[in-house]
Protein backbone atom coordinates (compact mmCIF):
# COMPACT_ATOMS: atom_id res chain seq x y z
CA UNK A 1 317.93 118.25 -20.44
CA UNK A 2 319.87 120.98 -18.68
CA UNK A 3 323.28 122.03 -19.90
CA UNK A 4 325.57 120.81 -17.13
CA UNK A 5 327.30 124.16 -17.11
CA UNK A 6 324.06 125.95 -16.29
CA UNK A 7 323.61 124.29 -12.89
CA UNK A 8 325.32 125.29 -9.65
CA UNK A 9 328.02 123.30 -7.90
CA UNK A 10 325.55 122.52 -5.11
CA UNK A 11 323.04 121.16 -7.62
CA UNK A 12 325.73 119.04 -9.25
CA UNK A 13 326.86 117.71 -5.88
CA UNK A 14 323.27 116.86 -4.90
CA UNK A 15 322.76 114.97 -8.16
CA UNK A 16 325.96 112.95 -7.72
CA UNK A 17 325.17 112.03 -4.10
CA UNK A 18 321.68 110.91 -5.13
CA UNK A 19 323.33 108.69 -7.73
CA UNK A 20 325.48 107.09 -5.02
CA UNK A 21 328.69 108.95 -5.86
CA UNK A 22 331.14 110.55 -3.45
CA UNK A 23 330.97 114.35 -3.06
CA UNK A 24 334.52 114.83 -4.36
CA UNK A 25 333.31 113.73 -7.80
CA UNK A 26 331.64 117.14 -8.13
CA UNK A 27 335.05 118.80 -7.82
CA UNK A 28 336.42 116.53 -10.55
CA UNK A 29 333.54 117.33 -12.89
CA UNK A 30 333.89 121.05 -12.13
CA UNK A 31 337.57 120.92 -13.03
CA UNK A 32 336.80 119.25 -16.35
CA UNK A 33 334.20 121.92 -17.13
CA UNK A 34 335.93 125.09 -16.00
CA UNK A 35 339.67 124.37 -15.93
CA UNK A 36 340.15 121.96 -18.81
CA UNK A 37 337.22 123.16 -20.89
CA UNK A 38 335.78 119.74 -21.63
CA UNK A 39 333.05 119.67 -24.26
CA UNK A 40 331.95 116.05 -23.84
CA UNK A 41 331.57 113.66 -20.94
CA UNK A 42 333.82 111.17 -22.74
CA UNK A 43 336.77 113.50 -22.10
CA UNK A 44 336.37 113.14 -18.32
CA UNK A 45 338.71 110.16 -18.17
CA UNK A 46 339.22 110.09 -14.38
CA UNK A 47 335.51 109.33 -13.96
CA UNK A 48 334.16 105.81 -14.30
CA UNK A 49 332.43 104.86 -17.52
CA UNK A 50 329.24 104.31 -15.52
CA UNK A 51 329.33 107.82 -14.07
CA UNK A 52 330.04 109.38 -17.46
CA UNK A 53 327.03 107.51 -18.80
CA UNK A 54 324.83 108.83 -15.95
CA UNK A 55 325.95 112.36 -16.69
CA UNK A 56 325.28 111.94 -20.41
CA UNK A 57 321.78 110.62 -19.68
CA UNK A 58 320.88 113.57 -17.45
CA UNK A 59 322.76 116.55 -18.86
CA UNK A 60 323.96 117.95 -22.14
CA UNK A 61 326.49 120.46 -23.48
CA UNK A 62 325.38 123.46 -25.52
CA UNK A 63 328.37 123.30 -27.81
CA UNK A 64 330.28 126.26 -29.15
CA UNK A 65 332.53 125.44 -32.06
CA UNK A 66 334.91 127.18 -34.41
CA UNK A 67 333.06 127.50 -37.71
CA UNK A 68 335.81 129.33 -39.58
CA UNK A 69 339.22 130.92 -39.08
CA UNK A 70 341.19 133.57 -40.97
CA UNK A 71 344.84 134.44 -40.45
CA UNK A 72 346.22 137.92 -41.11
CA UNK A 73 349.61 138.71 -42.58
CA UNK A 74 350.52 140.23 -39.18
CA UNK A 75 349.75 136.98 -37.32
CA UNK A 76 346.36 138.03 -36.00
CA UNK A 77 343.69 135.33 -36.17
CA UNK A 78 339.93 135.84 -36.43
CA UNK A 79 337.46 133.12 -35.48
CA UNK A 80 333.80 132.69 -36.25
CA UNK A 81 332.16 130.80 -33.39
CA UNK A 82 328.96 128.90 -34.08
CA UNK A 83 326.76 128.73 -30.99
CA UNK A 84 324.37 125.92 -30.07
CA UNK A 85 321.40 127.68 -31.72
CA UNK A 86 323.25 128.47 -34.95
CA UNK A 87 323.94 132.10 -34.09
CA UNK A 88 327.50 133.27 -34.69
CA UNK A 89 329.92 135.64 -32.99
CA UNK A 90 333.52 136.53 -33.70
CA UNK A 91 336.67 136.56 -31.63
CA UNK A 92 340.23 137.62 -32.36
CA UNK A 93 343.68 136.48 -31.20
CA UNK A 94 346.35 139.18 -31.31
CA UNK A 95 350.01 138.24 -30.75
CA UNK A 96 352.26 141.16 -29.77
CA UNK A 97 355.57 141.46 -27.95
CA UNK A 98 355.41 138.19 -26.06
CA UNK A 99 351.72 138.60 -25.24
CA UNK A 100 348.67 136.99 -26.79
CA UNK A 101 345.47 138.96 -26.35
CA UNK A 102 342.03 137.46 -26.90
CA UNK A 103 339.27 139.84 -27.98
CA UNK A 104 335.96 138.22 -27.05
CA UNK A 105 332.30 139.00 -27.66
CA UNK A 106 329.56 139.44 -25.07
CA UNK A 107 326.47 139.63 -27.31
CA UNK A 108 325.31 138.41 -30.69
CA UNK A 109 325.16 141.70 -32.57
CA UNK A 110 324.88 145.06 -30.84
CA UNK A 111 322.02 147.43 -30.09
CA UNK A 112 324.07 150.63 -29.91
CA UNK A 113 324.24 151.49 -33.64
CA UNK A 114 327.39 153.63 -33.41
CA UNK A 115 327.74 155.14 -36.88
CA UNK A 116 331.38 154.13 -37.37
CA UNK A 117 331.10 150.50 -36.17
CA UNK A 118 330.08 147.72 -38.54
CA UNK A 119 328.85 145.45 -35.74
CA UNK A 120 326.00 147.84 -35.00
CA UNK A 121 324.52 147.23 -38.45
CA UNK A 122 323.57 143.73 -37.29
CA UNK A 123 321.27 145.03 -34.61
CA UNK A 124 320.88 143.15 -31.34
CA UNK A 125 320.10 139.43 -31.57
CA UNK A 126 320.69 138.09 -28.06
CA UNK A 127 322.98 138.08 -25.02
CA UNK A 128 325.62 135.41 -24.59
CA UNK A 129 325.48 133.05 -21.61
CA UNK A 130 328.61 133.10 -19.48
CA UNK A 131 329.45 129.59 -20.71
CA UNK A 132 329.46 130.86 -24.31
CA UNK A 133 331.83 133.67 -23.36
CA UNK A 134 334.01 131.17 -21.50
CA UNK A 135 334.00 128.89 -24.56
CA UNK A 136 335.47 131.65 -26.71
CA UNK A 137 338.37 131.96 -24.28
CA UNK A 138 339.01 128.23 -24.04
CA UNK A 139 338.78 127.59 -27.78
CA UNK A 140 341.11 130.48 -28.59
CA UNK A 141 343.51 129.46 -25.82
CA UNK A 142 344.00 126.10 -27.52
CA UNK A 143 344.56 127.87 -30.83
CA UNK A 144 347.09 130.20 -29.18
CA UNK A 145 349.13 127.27 -27.88
CA UNK A 146 349.15 125.73 -31.34
CA UNK A 147 349.88 128.93 -33.30
CA UNK A 148 352.12 130.87 -30.91
CA UNK A 149 353.33 128.19 -28.48
CA UNK A 150 351.88 130.06 -25.50
CA UNK A 151 348.62 130.56 -23.68
CA UNK A 152 346.45 133.63 -23.82
CA UNK A 153 347.97 136.27 -21.56
CA UNK A 154 345.31 139.00 -21.80
CA UNK A 155 341.61 139.33 -22.51
CA UNK A 156 339.71 142.34 -23.80
CA UNK A 157 335.92 142.39 -23.80
CA UNK A 158 335.99 144.44 -27.00
CA UNK A 159 334.33 142.08 -29.45
CA UNK A 160 330.72 142.15 -30.54
CA UNK A 161 328.23 143.70 -28.14
CA UNK A 162 328.18 146.03 -25.12
CA UNK A 163 329.37 144.10 -22.03
CA UNK A 164 327.51 146.26 -19.51
CA UNK A 165 324.21 145.48 -21.23
CA UNK A 166 324.85 141.81 -20.41
CA UNK A 167 326.17 142.52 -16.95
CA UNK A 168 325.44 139.35 -14.99
CA UNK A 169 326.69 136.93 -17.65
CA UNK A 170 329.84 138.96 -18.34
CA UNK A 171 330.67 139.19 -14.63
CA UNK A 172 330.16 135.45 -14.20
CA UNK A 173 332.45 134.76 -17.16
CA UNK A 174 335.13 136.92 -15.54
CA UNK A 175 334.74 135.00 -12.28
CA UNK A 176 335.10 131.67 -14.07
CA UNK A 177 338.15 132.75 -16.08
CA UNK A 178 339.94 134.26 -13.07
CA UNK A 179 339.02 131.53 -10.57
CA UNK A 180 341.94 129.51 -9.14
CA UNK A 181 339.70 126.49 -9.74
CA UNK A 182 339.51 127.49 -13.42
CA UNK A 183 342.06 129.00 -15.81
CA UNK A 184 343.21 131.39 -13.07
CA UNK A 185 343.96 134.38 -15.32
CA UNK A 186 344.84 137.48 -13.29
CA UNK A 187 342.05 140.10 -13.22
CA UNK A 188 344.73 142.70 -13.99
CA UNK A 189 345.11 141.08 -17.43
CA UNK A 190 341.45 141.59 -18.33
CA UNK A 191 339.98 144.80 -19.75
CA UNK A 192 336.27 145.46 -20.10
CA UNK A 193 335.40 148.04 -22.75
CA UNK A 194 332.13 149.96 -22.61
CA UNK A 195 330.64 152.82 -24.57
CA UNK A 196 329.84 154.36 -21.19
CA UNK A 197 326.73 152.81 -19.64
CA UNK A 198 326.53 154.99 -16.54
CA UNK A 199 324.53 152.69 -14.27
CA UNK A 200 326.76 149.77 -15.26
CA UNK A 201 329.94 151.71 -14.45
CA UNK A 202 328.60 152.63 -11.02
CA UNK A 203 327.67 149.02 -10.48
CA UNK A 204 331.22 147.94 -11.37
CA UNK A 205 332.49 150.33 -8.70
CA UNK A 206 330.05 149.08 -6.06
CA UNK A 207 330.78 145.44 -6.91
CA UNK A 208 334.54 145.87 -6.50
CA UNK A 209 335.31 144.99 -10.12
CA UNK A 210 339.02 144.16 -10.31
CA UNK A 211 339.83 144.08 -14.06
CA UNK A 212 340.65 147.23 -16.02
CA UNK A 213 337.95 149.42 -17.55
CA UNK A 214 338.18 151.15 -20.94
CA UNK A 215 335.69 153.76 -22.15
CA UNK A 216 334.90 153.98 -25.85
CA UNK A 217 334.51 157.74 -25.70
CA UNK A 218 335.48 158.76 -29.27
CA UNK A 219 334.26 162.32 -28.83
CA UNK A 220 334.03 164.72 -25.86
CA UNK A 221 331.54 167.05 -27.56
CA UNK A 222 328.04 166.21 -26.33
CA UNK A 223 326.11 167.05 -29.51
CA UNK A 224 328.57 165.44 -31.92
CA UNK A 225 328.84 162.31 -29.79
CA UNK A 226 325.09 161.95 -29.51
CA UNK A 227 324.67 162.29 -33.29
CA UNK A 228 326.99 159.38 -34.03
CA UNK A 229 326.46 157.28 -30.91
CA UNK A 230 322.67 157.23 -30.27
CA UNK A 231 322.92 155.44 -26.90
CA UNK A 232 324.64 158.49 -25.45
CA UNK A 233 321.39 160.48 -25.58
CA UNK A 234 320.57 158.78 -22.27
CA UNK A 235 324.20 158.62 -21.09
CA UNK A 236 325.30 162.30 -21.17
CA UNK A 237 328.97 163.16 -20.78
CA UNK A 238 328.36 164.91 -17.47
CA UNK A 239 326.89 161.75 -15.92
CA UNK A 240 329.56 159.58 -17.50
CA UNK A 241 332.28 161.82 -16.08
CA UNK A 242 330.77 161.58 -12.60
CA UNK A 243 330.45 157.80 -12.86
CA UNK A 244 334.11 157.44 -13.92
CA UNK A 245 335.25 159.65 -11.06
CA UNK A 246 333.22 157.42 -8.74
CA UNK A 247 334.81 154.29 -10.24
CA UNK A 248 338.28 155.73 -9.71
CA UNK A 249 337.42 156.74 -6.15
CA UNK A 250 336.25 153.22 -5.31
CA UNK A 251 338.93 151.27 -7.20
CA UNK A 252 341.95 153.57 -7.36
CA UNK A 253 342.41 152.55 -10.98
CA UNK A 254 343.46 154.72 -13.89
CA UNK A 255 340.72 154.85 -16.54
CA UNK A 256 341.57 154.03 -20.15
CA UNK A 257 339.94 156.29 -22.73
CA UNK A 258 339.53 154.80 -26.20
CA UNK A 259 339.33 157.46 -28.90
CA UNK A 260 338.78 156.58 -32.55
CA UNK A 261 340.43 159.19 -34.78
CA UNK A 262 338.05 160.24 -37.59
CA UNK A 263 338.86 162.83 -40.22
CA UNK A 264 337.11 166.19 -39.76
CA UNK A 265 334.81 164.88 -37.05
CA UNK A 266 336.77 164.52 -33.82
CA UNK A 267 340.43 165.16 -34.71
CA UNK A 268 340.87 168.93 -34.31
CA UNK A 269 342.85 170.67 -31.58
CA UNK A 270 339.54 171.93 -30.21
CA UNK A 271 338.36 168.32 -29.96
CA UNK A 272 341.58 167.50 -28.09
CA UNK A 273 340.91 170.41 -25.72
CA UNK A 274 337.41 169.08 -24.95
CA UNK A 275 338.85 165.62 -24.37
CA UNK A 276 341.40 167.06 -21.93
CA UNK A 277 338.66 168.86 -20.00
CA UNK A 278 336.61 165.67 -19.77
CA UNK A 279 339.60 163.78 -18.38
CA UNK A 280 340.56 166.20 -15.60
CA UNK A 281 338.26 164.54 -13.03
CA UNK A 282 340.28 161.30 -12.79
CA UNK A 283 343.65 159.89 -13.93
CA UNK A 284 343.53 158.51 -17.46
CA UNK A 285 345.49 156.83 -20.19
CA UNK A 286 344.33 157.82 -23.67
CA UNK A 287 344.49 155.33 -26.53
CA UNK A 288 344.11 156.93 -29.94
CA UNK A 289 342.83 154.34 -32.40
CA UNK A 290 343.35 154.23 -36.14
CA UNK A 291 340.06 154.01 -37.98
CA UNK A 292 339.45 150.71 -39.76
CA UNK A 293 337.55 150.76 -43.02
CA UNK A 294 333.86 149.84 -42.95
CA UNK A 295 330.93 150.99 -45.09
CA UNK A 296 330.17 153.90 -42.74
CA UNK A 297 331.58 156.67 -44.97
CA UNK A 298 334.10 157.86 -42.35
CA UNK A 299 337.77 158.29 -43.17
CA UNK A 300 340.82 157.90 -40.94
CA UNK A 301 342.35 161.02 -39.47
CA UNK A 302 345.35 162.30 -41.47
CA UNK A 303 348.73 161.90 -39.79
CA UNK A 304 349.16 165.66 -39.44
CA UNK A 305 345.82 166.02 -37.62
CA UNK A 306 346.65 163.15 -35.33
CA UNK A 307 350.05 164.60 -34.49
CA UNK A 308 348.56 168.00 -33.59
CA UNK A 309 346.01 166.18 -31.43
CA UNK A 310 348.78 164.26 -29.64
CA UNK A 311 350.95 167.33 -29.21
CA UNK A 312 348.15 169.23 -27.48
CA UNK A 313 347.34 166.41 -25.08
CA UNK A 314 351.00 165.79 -24.24
CA UNK A 315 351.44 169.51 -23.59
CA UNK A 316 348.84 168.98 -20.84
CA UNK A 317 350.86 166.05 -19.44
CA UNK A 318 348.35 163.45 -20.57
CA UNK A 319 349.47 159.86 -21.22
CA UNK A 320 348.77 159.18 -24.90
CA UNK A 321 349.30 156.00 -26.92
CA UNK A 322 348.50 155.36 -30.57
CA UNK A 323 346.94 151.95 -31.03
CA UNK A 324 347.79 150.61 -34.45
CA UNK A 325 345.21 148.28 -35.94
CA UNK A 326 345.87 144.57 -36.30
CA UNK A 327 344.15 142.15 -38.66
CA UNK A 328 342.65 144.73 -41.01
CA UNK A 329 343.18 142.48 -44.01
CA UNK A 330 340.83 139.86 -42.52
CA UNK A 331 338.27 142.34 -41.10
CA UNK A 332 339.42 141.54 -37.57
CA UNK A 333 340.24 145.06 -36.41
CA UNK A 334 338.15 147.22 -34.08
CA UNK A 335 334.70 147.98 -35.49
CA UNK A 336 334.93 145.40 -38.28
CA UNK A 337 333.39 142.36 -36.58
CA UNK A 338 330.23 141.76 -38.57
CA UNK A 339 330.62 140.47 -42.07
CA UNK A 340 330.69 136.76 -41.37
CA UNK A 341 329.04 136.83 -37.99
CA UNK A 342 325.61 137.76 -39.25
CA UNK A 343 325.44 134.78 -41.52
CA UNK A 344 323.72 131.66 -40.30
CA UNK A 345 324.67 128.14 -41.29
């Protein structure tokens, strides 16, 4: 049987009419699926028992469930989601200053093998369907109401996987989450993070992508970046720079640059100078990220190195923020999502 969330609204309407139901029932079912996040037909209490039975006989739900949860001393929560086929991904809830941000995954594992990211050690297992991405949001939203007494306010596609290598499903998940007929989250409160897939960035520009875009740059030296981020061999900085300028031209948006500070690799003043040169083609905001311990052998940049890096960029009138890690004690910080997720039940 088909998962009911994998069929179109027109197909659902056609099925209901054939079963002798009024067309408006399709709108009711849609609301249960995409606004209330129902996981069973029994929850659809404004439908007749007979109709719920018909739906159950013809469709199914590919359930996503919370398999485990860990809570950090700073209030961050990490979730292991078990998918319908037993695969697992992780998501994180981050409370901060009146906001609750959900970090969600787009793939099971990751094919990019960035040397400083633990997720890449899993390799690529499969893409997530948009319903599985949506499930992460809905399940964590319920947890946010319980834990923090408020709904999720922001989403970052910064969990496991490269969103632009699962383009169609990620875009559909954004449409569902931002739809007035669904949760209705503002696109301005969503950020998609990518290592810099050039064709995907150009496609975002051409498709009129409304959420924010963050680039996991981490190094503006071509040879050093390629050595630690293998995917960049086919995504050179020159092409990435052109694609980001094109995205800004089409959208008018400021680009966020994510830069992981690593001792003696990318934290010198010369590295800062190369970063500045890369960023002169479009307006940017630079987020410097504390390195979170994995088994990669890298070490976090010393405070003195980081301060010299910041001082140089600010002397060039760049907007610079230091992003302090959350949830490190439960392996929920950036680059740490792997340890539980590669285990199968």
